[in-house]
């Protein structure tokens, strides 16, 4: 029976330098050769998944933006876009609270370039996304936003942000004072559930591999949750199995552990 496999990108499929381990692509191809389907499952929005090396692997679909954008065989089966009123309110509140933000959508990113100063990741976004990265100055009607991320600075009024946006968003707090804001009711787990429903695959026949805070829901949801050896402690605690580090062929070892490849 065909099984579904969901792979986080950062820290799982590739490392901090966006290098994919040599063993990973052949492992993914072997899964497909056996009739299984493989999916990207990322906190990144679709607009920030552009690597030709990654895309050329030939994934059967994608769960992007922590479940706010779901595709199967290049067909969008689910999309959550923030309302115009909510997007405008988010921009205003975060500006008032001195919390620089990246609004993440399926086509474009809007980036508070001035607020981030010389943040290397922001410089990377403008370079990598090209014309799809737009400086954020104020709300505009063309904004299609799935979710957003923001930095907690020493002078950020984070408590006010939590008070004013806590009813609409889940706050995923990463190391380095980065917070992902995901619309309530959406997660990698809900995205996986939509894929399962669409393809008529039982939850017990799903596998997911991840390493960080936005992977916790999916690791708990799938039939078999796998944490990378380089994962955070909460991710390891949520997993059924902990494989080796990304630089020690973690994905290949995990698939061998379950007898899925030889």
Protein backbone atom coordinates (compact mmCIF):
# COMPACT_ATOMS: atom_id res chain seq x y z
CA UNK A 1 0.00 0.00 0.00
CA UNK A 2 1.20 3.50 -0.86
CA UNK A 3 2.46 5.51 2.10
CA UNK A 4 2.91 9.26 2.44
CA UNK A 5 6.15 10.90 3.58
CA UNK A 6 6.43 14.52 4.73
CA UNK A 7 9.81 16.22 4.99
CA UNK A 8 10.66 19.51 6.65
CA UNK A 9 13.22 21.54 4.70
CA UNK A 10 15.52 23.53 7.00
CA UNK A 11 17.59 21.29 9.24
CA UNK A 12 16.05 18.17 7.69
CA UNK A 13 16.41 18.08 3.90
CA UNK A 14 19.22 20.61 3.89
CA UNK A 15 21.54 22.23 6.42
CA UNK A 16 22.10 25.86 7.37
CA UNK A 17 24.03 26.38 4.13
CA UNK A 18 21.22 24.84 2.04
CA UNK A 19 23.35 21.78 1.28
CA UNK A 20 21.43 18.53 0.75
CA UNK A 21 23.34 15.46 2.01
CA UNK A 22 24.50 13.18 -0.80
CA UNK A 23 22.44 10.24 0.48
CA UNK A 24 19.13 12.11 0.73
CA UNK A 25 18.00 12.39 -2.89
CA UNK A 26 18.63 8.69 -3.73
CA UNK A 27 16.70 7.79 -0.57
CA UNK A 28 13.71 9.88 -1.66
CA UNK A 29 13.82 8.40 -5.15
CA UNK A 30 13.78 4.87 -3.70
CA UNK A 31 10.62 5.69 -1.77
CA UNK A 32 8.92 6.85 -4.94
CA UNK A 33 10.14 3.80 -6.86
CA UNK A 34 8.34 1.66 -4.29
CA UNK A 35 5.10 3.51 -5.03
CA UNK A 36 5.12 5.90 -2.08
CA UNK A 37 4.51 9.66 -2.31
CA UNK A 38 6.86 12.30 -0.91
CA UNK A 39 5.94 15.83 0.16
CA UNK A 40 7.73 18.95 1.27
CA UNK A 41 6.28 20.09 4.59
CA UNK A 42 7.68 23.46 5.58
CA UNK A 43 7.11 26.59 7.59
CA UNK A 44 8.33 28.44 4.50
CA UNK A 45 5.57 29.80 2.32
CA UNK A 46 5.31 28.64 -1.30
CA UNK A 47 6.83 31.97 -2.36
CA UNK A 48 10.04 31.10 -0.50
CA UNK A 49 10.53 27.58 -1.89
CA UNK A 50 12.46 28.24 -5.08
CA UNK A 51 15.60 26.13 -4.97
CA UNK A 52 15.95 24.35 -8.32
CA UNK A 53 17.87 21.54 -6.64
CA UNK A 54 15.06 21.00 -4.17
CA UNK A 55 12.21 21.29 -6.65
CA UNK A 56 13.91 19.06 -9.22
CA UNK A 57 13.75 16.14 -6.78
CA UNK A 58 10.17 15.74 -7.97
CA UNK A 59 8.03 15.90 -4.84
CA UNK A 60 4.43 14.79 -5.20
CA UNK A 61 3.17 17.85 -3.41
CA UNK A 62 3.80 20.43 -0.74
CA UNK A 63 2.47 21.55 2.62
CA UNK A 64 3.77 25.11 2.91
CA UNK A 65 3.40 28.01 5.35
CA UNK A 66 2.73 25.64 8.27
CA UNK A 67 -0.30 24.13 6.57
CA UNK A 68 -1.76 27.34 5.11
CA UNK A 69 -0.98 26.27 1.53
CA UNK A 70 -1.38 22.65 0.39
CA UNK A 71 -0.72 21.21 -3.07
CA UNK A 72 -0.98 17.69 -4.47
CA UNK A 73 0.39 17.06 -7.96
CA UNK A 74 0.68 20.84 -8.49
CA UNK A 75 -2.99 21.38 -7.72
CA UNK A 76 -3.78 23.68 -4.79
CA UNK A 77 -6.25 21.82 -2.57
CA UNK A 78 -6.21 24.32 0.31
CA UNK A 79 -5.20 27.95 0.77
CA UNK A 80 -5.60 30.18 3.83
CA UNK A 81 -5.14 33.89 3.09
CA UNK A 82 -5.37 36.52 5.82
CA UNK A 83 -8.21 38.98 5.38
CA UNK A 84 -7.38 42.51 4.31
CA UNK A 85 -8.54 43.90 7.66
CA UNK A 86 -6.41 41.46 9.64
CA UNK A 87 -3.33 42.02 7.48
CA UNK A 88 -3.64 45.77 7.89
CA UNK A 89 -4.07 45.38 11.65
CA UNK A 90 -1.01 43.10 11.91
CA UNK A 91 1.15 45.64 10.10
CA UNK A 92 -0.02 48.46 12.35
CA UNK A 93 0.36 46.56 15.63
CA UNK A 94 3.81 45.21 14.87
CA UNK A 95 5.02 48.64 13.76
CA UNK A 96 3.65 50.20 16.96
CA UNK A 97 5.33 47.48 19.03
CA UNK A 98 8.69 47.76 17.23
CA UNK A 99 8.65 44.17 15.95
CA UNK A 100 10.05 43.92 12.39
CA UNK A 101 8.08 41.51 10.25
CA UNK A 102 8.19 39.41 7.09
CA UNK A 103 4.73 38.83 5.60
CA UNK A 104 4.85 35.49 3.78
CA UNK A 105 2.58 34.64 0.86
CA UNK A 106 2.26 32.08 -1.92
CA UNK A 107 3.70 34.50 -4.47
CA UNK A 108 5.37 37.39 -2.63
CA UNK A 109 7.05 38.39 0.62
CA UNK A 110 6.69 41.87 2.13
CA UNK A 111 9.68 42.70 4.31
CA UNK A 112 10.24 45.43 6.89
CA UNK A 113 13.73 46.09 5.57
CA UNK A 114 14.36 49.13 7.75
CA UNK A 115 13.33 47.33 10.92
CA UNK A 116 15.70 44.42 10.35
CA UNK A 117 18.69 46.65 9.51
CA UNK A 118 21.49 44.38 8.20
CA UNK A 119 20.03 41.02 9.21
CA UNK A 120 21.78 38.40 7.00
CA UNK A 121 18.56 36.44 6.51
CA UNK A 122 16.75 39.51 5.22
CA UNK A 123 19.58 40.24 2.80
CA UNK A 124 19.31 36.62 1.67
CA UNK A 125 15.56 36.95 1.09
CA UNK A 126 15.94 39.97 -1.17
CA UNK A 127 18.71 38.21 -3.09
CA UNK A 128 16.95 34.83 -3.34
CA UNK A 129 13.43 36.05 -4.07
CA UNK A 130 14.31 38.90 -6.40
CA UNK A 131 11.20 40.78 -7.54
CA UNK A 132 9.05 38.55 -5.33
CA UNK A 133 10.52 40.28 -2.25
CA UNK A 134 8.96 43.69 -1.69
CA UNK A 135 9.87 46.30 0.93
CA UNK A 136 7.04 46.72 3.44
CA UNK A 137 6.03 50.32 3.96
CA UNK A 138 2.28 50.13 4.52
CA UNK A 139 -0.71 47.94 3.72
CA UNK A 140 -1.64 47.53 0.07
CA UNK A 141 -4.56 45.69 -1.51
CA UNK A 142 -2.35 43.26 -3.46
CA UNK A 143 -1.11 41.50 -0.30
CA UNK A 144 -1.92 37.78 -0.23
CA UNK A 145 -0.43 36.62 3.05
CA UNK A 146 -0.52 33.10 4.53
CA UNK A 147 1.43 33.78 7.73
CA UNK A 148 4.26 35.96 8.98
CA UNK A 149 7.43 35.91 11.04
CA UNK A 150 8.89 38.63 13.21
CA UNK A 151 11.85 39.34 15.48
CA UNK A 152 11.65 40.18 19.18
CA UNK A 153 14.11 43.05 19.69
CA UNK A 154 15.27 44.47 23.04
CA UNK A 155 12.72 47.30 22.72
CA UNK A 156 9.84 45.21 21.33
CA UNK A 157 6.58 45.31 23.26
CA UNK A 158 6.03 41.58 22.79
CA UNK A 159 3.46 41.36 25.59
CA UNK A 160 1.19 43.79 23.76
CA UNK A 161 1.63 41.81 20.52
CA UNK A 162 0.53 38.65 22.33
CA UNK A 163 -2.46 40.42 23.85
CA UNK A 164 -3.65 41.93 20.56
CA UNK A 165 -2.97 39.05 18.19
CA UNK A 166 -3.24 36.01 20.47
CA UNK A 167 -6.85 35.29 19.51
CA UNK A 168 -6.04 34.99 15.80
CA UNK A 169 -2.59 33.39 15.76
CA UNK A 170 -0.51 30.65 17.31
CA UNK A 171 2.95 31.93 18.29
CA UNK A 172 5.81 29.53 17.46
CA UNK A 173 8.88 30.81 19.27
CA UNK A 174 12.22 29.79 17.77
CA UNK A 175 15.74 30.22 19.09
CA UNK A 176 17.22 33.58 18.17
CA UNK A 177 14.09 35.52 19.21
CA UNK A 178 12.24 34.70 15.97
CA UNK A 179 8.48 34.13 16.21
CA UNK A 180 6.30 32.50 13.55
CA UNK A 181 2.68 33.65 13.59
CA UNK A 182 0.41 30.94 12.20
CA UNK A 183 -3.35 31.52 11.81
CA UNK A 184 -5.20 29.42 14.38
CA UNK A 185 -6.56 26.19 13.00
CA UNK A 186 -3.59 25.74 10.67
CA UNK A 187 -0.43 23.71 11.19
CA UNK A 188 1.71 21.20 9.38
CA UNK A 189 -0.55 18.54 10.92
CA UNK A 190 -3.74 20.04 9.46
CA UNK A 191 -2.02 20.27 6.08
CA UNK A 192 -1.05 16.61 6.26
CA UNK A 193 -4.62 15.71 7.22
CA UNK A 194 -5.89 17.47 4.10
CA UNK A 195 -3.46 15.51 1.92
CA UNK A 196 -4.56 12.24 3.54
CA UNK A 197 -8.21 13.06 2.96
CA UNK A 198 -7.59 14.07 -0.66
CA UNK A 199 -5.61 10.90 -1.45
CA UNK A 200 -7.71 8.59 0.75
CA UNK A 201 -4.70 7.46 2.78
CA UNK A 202 -4.99 6.44 6.41
CA UNK A 203 -3.14 8.48 9.00
CA UNK A 204 -1.37 5.28 10.14
CA UNK A 205 0.36 5.15 6.74
CA UNK A 206 2.07 8.52 7.11
CA UNK A 207 5.64 9.41 8.10
CA UNK A 208 7.08 12.83 8.88
CA UNK A 209 10.64 13.99 9.49
CA UNK A 210 11.47 17.28 11.20
CA UNK A 211 13.70 19.09 13.64
CA UNK A 212 12.11 22.15 15.26
CA UNK A 213 9.18 23.81 17.01
CA UNK A 214 6.92 24.09 13.97
CA UNK A 215 7.28 20.33 13.43
CA UNK A 216 5.81 19.30 16.79
CA UNK A 217 2.20 19.05 15.59
CA UNK A 218 3.08 16.94 12.57
CA UNK A 219 5.38 14.64 14.54
CA UNK A 220 2.55 13.99 16.97
CA UNK A 221 -0.08 13.62 14.24
CA UNK A 222 1.44 11.19 11.74
CA UNK A 223 1.63 7.45 12.14
CA UNK A 224 5.40 7.65 12.49
CA UNK A 225 7.10 10.86 13.62
CA UNK A 226 10.86 11.03 13.10
CA UNK A 227 13.18 13.65 14.60
CA UNK A 228 16.58 14.42 13.13
CA UNK A 229 19.58 13.88 15.39
CA UNK A 230 20.17 17.64 15.22
CA UNK A 231 16.57 18.38 16.27
CA UNK A 232 15.53 20.45 19.26
CA UNK A 233 14.69 18.57 22.45
CA UNK A 234 10.92 19.20 22.12
CA UNK A 235 11.00 17.72 18.60
CA UNK A 236 12.87 14.67 19.87
CA UNK A 237 10.36 14.22 22.67
CA UNK A 238 7.47 14.36 20.18
CA UNK A 239 9.02 11.79 17.84
CA UNK A 240 8.51 8.05 17.71
CA UNK A 241 12.09 7.63 16.47
CA UNK A 242 15.21 9.79 16.57
CA UNK A 243 17.52 9.29 13.62
CA UNK A 244 21.08 10.51 13.11
CA UNK A 245 22.22 14.07 12.41
CA UNK A 246 21.59 15.64 9.00
CA UNK A 247 25.33 15.40 8.34
CA UNK A 248 25.24 11.70 9.25
CA UNK A 249 22.65 10.67 6.64
CA UNK A 250 19.70 11.06 9.00
CA UNK A 251 16.96 10.59 6.41
CA UNK A 252 18.55 7.48 4.91
CA UNK A 253 19.06 5.90 8.32
CA UNK A 254 15.45 6.62 9.29
CA UNK A 255 14.06 4.94 6.18
CA UNK A 256 16.35 1.95 6.75
CA UNK A 257 15.22 1.75 10.38
CA UNK A 258 11.60 1.31 9.25
CA UNK A 259 12.58 -1.20 6.57
CA UNK A 260 11.36 1.11 3.82
CA UNK A 261 14.55 0.97 1.79
CA UNK A 262 17.56 -1.34 1.74
